[in-house]
C-alpha atoms as a PDB file:
ATOM      1  CA  MET A   1     300.131 103.028  28.143  1.00  0.00           C
ATOM      2  CA  VAL A   2     299.118 100.686  30.612  1.00  0.00           C
ATOM      3  CA  ARG A   3     295.304 101.110  30.967  1.00  0.00           C
ATOM      4  CA  VAL A   4     293.871 100.448  34.213  1.00  0.00           C
ATOM      5  CA  PRO A   5     290.353  99.320  34.839  1.00  0.00           C
ATOM      6  CA  PRO A   6     288.075 102.001  36.662  1.00  0.00           C
ATOM      7  CA  VAL A   7     287.663 101.644  40.084  1.00  0.00           C
ATOM      8  CA  GLU A   8     284.305 100.063  40.099  1.00  0.00           C
ATOM      9  CA  LEU A   9     285.447  97.228  37.181  1.00  0.00           C
ATOM     10  CA  ALA A  10     288.479  96.376  39.784  1.00  0.00           C
ATOM     11  CA  LEU A  11     286.479  96.547  42.557  1.00  0.00           C
ATOM     12  CA  LEU A  12     283.338  93.931  40.662  1.00  0.00           C
ATOM     13  CA  PHE A  13     286.696  91.222  39.728  1.00  0.00           C
ATOM     14  CA  LYS A  14     288.249  91.779  43.148  1.00  0.00           C
ATOM     15  CA  ALA A  15     284.206  90.858  44.789  1.00  0.00           C
ATOM     16  CA  TYR A  16     284.441  87.862  42.841  1.00  0.00           C
ATOM     17  CA  ALA A  17     287.547  87.070  43.822  1.00  0.00           C
ATOM     18  CA  ALA A  18     287.241  87.877  47.570  1.00  0.00           C
ATOM     19  CA  GLN A  19     284.854  85.306  47.870  1.00  0.00           C
ATOM     20  CA  SER A  20     286.028  82.313  45.927  1.00  0.00           C
ATOM     21  CA  ARG A  21     289.303  82.731  47.685  1.00  0.00           C
ATOM     22  CA  HIS A  22     288.483  83.958  51.031  1.00  0.00           C
ATOM     23  CA  ALA A  23     292.170  85.949  50.737  1.00  0.00           C
ATOM     24  CA  PRO A  24     293.240  88.933  53.099  1.00  0.00           C
ATOM     25  CA  LYS A  25     295.095  90.272  50.263  1.00  0.00           C
ATOM     26  CA  ASP A  26     291.843  90.212  48.642  1.00  0.00           C
ATOM     27  CA  ILE A  27     290.257  92.152  51.579  1.00  0.00           C
ATOM     28  CA  THR A  28     293.169  94.604  51.895  1.00  0.00           C
ATOM     29  CA  ASP A  29     292.633  95.691  48.130  1.00  0.00           C
ATOM     30  CA  LEU A  30     289.057  96.010  48.768  1.00  0.00           C
ATOM     31  CA  TYR A  31     289.538  98.624  51.420  1.00  0.00           C
ATOM     32  CA  ASN A  32     291.669 100.064  48.885  1.00  0.00           C
ATOM     33  CA  LEU A  33     289.667  99.719  46.126  1.00  0.00           C
ATOM     34  CA  LEU A  34     286.249 101.373  48.514  1.00  0.00           C
ATOM     35  CA  SER A  35     288.535 103.713  50.092  1.00  0.00           C
ATOM     36  CA  ILE A  36     289.378 105.418  46.330  1.00  0.00           C
ATOM     37  CA  ALA A  37     285.984 105.901  45.681  1.00  0.00           C
ATOM     38  CA  PHE A  38     284.970 107.645  48.800  1.00  0.00           C
ATOM     39  CA  GLU A  39     287.639 109.884  48.269  1.00  0.00           C
ATOM     40  CA  TYR A  40     287.670 110.534  44.614  1.00  0.00           C
ATOM     41  CA  PRO A  41     284.848 112.335  42.378  1.00  0.00           C
ATOM     42  CA  VAL A  42     282.695 109.794  40.125  1.00  0.00           C
ATOM     43  CA  ASP A  43     283.761 110.831  36.695  1.00  0.00           C
ATOM     44  CA  GLN A  44     287.931 110.867  37.986  1.00  0.00           C
ATOM     45  CA  ILE A  45     287.477 106.752  38.951  1.00  0.00           C
ATOM     46  CA  GLY A  46     285.542 105.927  35.825  1.00  0.00           C
ATOM     47  CA  GLY A  47     282.433 105.689  36.843  1.00  0.00           C
ATOM     48  CA  TRP A  48     280.484 104.421  39.669  1.00  0.00           C
ATOM     49  CA  LYS A  49     276.263 102.594  39.374  1.00  0.00           C
ATOM     50  CA  ILE A  50     277.330 100.484  42.044  1.00  0.00           C
ATOM     51  CA  GLY A  51     276.097 102.710  44.663  1.00  0.00           C
ATOM     52  CA  THR A  52     272.686 103.806  42.793  1.00  0.00           C
ATOM     53  CA  PRO A  53     269.809 101.194  43.160  1.00  0.00           C
ATOM     54  CA  PRO A  54     268.580  99.376  41.919  1.00  0.00           C
ATOM     55  CA  VAL A  55     271.802  97.005  40.879  1.00  0.00           C
ATOM     56  CA  SER A  56     271.169  93.808  37.973  1.00  0.00           C
ATOM     57  CA  GLY A  57     273.849  91.138  37.198  1.00  0.00           C
ATOM     58  CA  THR A  58     277.456  91.239  38.259  1.00  0.00           C
ATOM     59  CA  ARG A  59     276.638  94.838  40.202  1.00  0.00           C
ATOM     60  CA  LEU A  60     274.189  92.620  42.673  1.00  0.00           C
ATOM     61  CA  ASP A  61     276.264  89.786  42.569  1.00  0.00           C
ATOM     62  CA  ALA A  62     279.295  91.764  43.232  1.00  0.00           C
ATOM     63  CA  ALA A  63     276.757  93.912  45.921  1.00  0.00           C
ATOM     64  CA  ARG A  64     275.421  91.295  47.563  1.00  0.00           C
ATOM     65  CA  THR A  65     279.015  89.601  48.454  1.00  0.00           C
ATOM     66  CA  LEU A  66     279.998  93.022  49.636  1.00  0.00           C
ATOM     67  CA  HIS A  67     277.260  93.470  52.283  1.00  0.00           C
ATOM     68  CA  ALA A  68     277.431  89.899  53.480  1.00  0.00           C
ATOM     69  CA  LEU A  69     281.190  90.806  54.007  1.00  0.00           C
ATOM     70  CA  ALA A  70     280.155  93.897  55.659  1.00  0.00           C
ATOM     71  CA  ASP A  71     277.758  92.193  57.843  1.00  0.00           C
ATOM     72  CA  SER A  72     280.545  89.754  59.257  1.00  0.00           C
ATOM     73  CA  ALA A  73     283.991  92.256  58.976  1.00  0.00           C
ATOM     74  CA  ARG A  74     284.080  92.126  62.208  1.00  0.00           C
ATOM     75  CA  GLN A  75     283.978  88.292  62.953  1.00  0.00           C
ATOM     76  CA  SER A  76     285.773  87.657  60.138  1.00  0.00           C
ATOM     77  CA  LEU A  77     289.682  85.726  60.289  1.00  0.00           C
ATOM     78  CA  VAL A  78     290.030  87.285  56.288  1.00  0.00           C
ATOM     79  CA  VAL A  79     289.554  90.316  57.626  1.00  0.00           C
ATOM     80  CA  ALA A  80     291.258  90.601  61.086  1.00  0.00           C
ATOM     81  CA  HIS A  81     294.831  89.028  58.993  1.00  0.00           C
ATOM     82  CA  SER A  82     294.045  91.230  55.951  1.00  0.00           C
ATOM     83  CA  GLY A  83     295.235  94.152  59.386  1.00  0.00           C
ATOM     84  CA  VAL A  84     292.125  96.321  57.321  1.00  0.00           C
ATOM     85  CA  PRO A  85     289.819  98.311  60.280  1.00  0.00           C
ATOM     86  CA  ALA A  86     286.731  95.850  59.169  1.00  0.00           C
ATOM     87  CA  ASP A  87     284.208  97.870  61.139  1.00  0.00           C
ATOM     88  CA  ARG A  88     285.644 101.036  58.646  1.00  0.00           C
ATOM     89  CA  LEU A  89     285.409  98.515  55.140  1.00  0.00           C
ATOM     90  CA  ALA A  90     281.533  97.751  56.658  1.00  0.00           C
ATOM     91  CA  ALA A  91     281.068 101.345  56.514  1.00  0.00           C
ATOM     92  CA  LEU A  92     282.540 102.196  52.976  1.00  0.00           C
ATOM     93  CA  ILE A  93     280.396  98.896  51.839  1.00  0.00           C
ATOM     94  CA  ARG A  94     277.267 100.375  52.974  1.00  0.00           C
ATOM     95  CA  ALA A  95     278.272 103.800  51.944  1.00  0.00           C
ATOM     96  CA  LEU A  96     279.004 103.381  48.498  1.00  0.00           C
ATOM     97  CA  VAL A  97     277.460  99.933  47.560  1.00  0.00           C
ATOM     98  CA  ALA A  98     273.757  99.802  47.267  1.00  0.00           C
ATOM     99  CA  ASN A  99     272.069  97.164  49.796  1.00  0.00           C
ATOM    100  CA  PRO A 100     270.606  94.509  47.268  1.00  0.00           C
ATOM    101  CA  ALA A 101     266.247  94.079  47.923  1.00  0.00           C
ATOM    102  CA  PRO A 102     266.401  90.852  50.569  1.00  0.00           C
ATOM    103  CA  GLY A 103     265.743  87.318  48.584  1.00  0.00           C
ATOM    104  CA  VAL A 104     266.326  89.036  44.604  1.00  0.00           C
END
């Protein structure tokens, strides 16, 4: 049996990768993970705490990264090269990821 991480954990790892690598494949993976989180009940994806404020620690770091991505998605060349719809990516992030308080 192959062990698969919960969707949220995979999203956290991928947010860090996207921040450091700036690769279109990371944006595609983020989009797919967020789409899964949007479509399936929380109990079927292994939980989802990044959407409930306040977030802290690793979730806070990932939330900051993801909201920065949402804010720049339309202008991002990495998003454009990923083939992911920028507006939908931004909407998924804003709907599913708690917005970290500015300056925290």
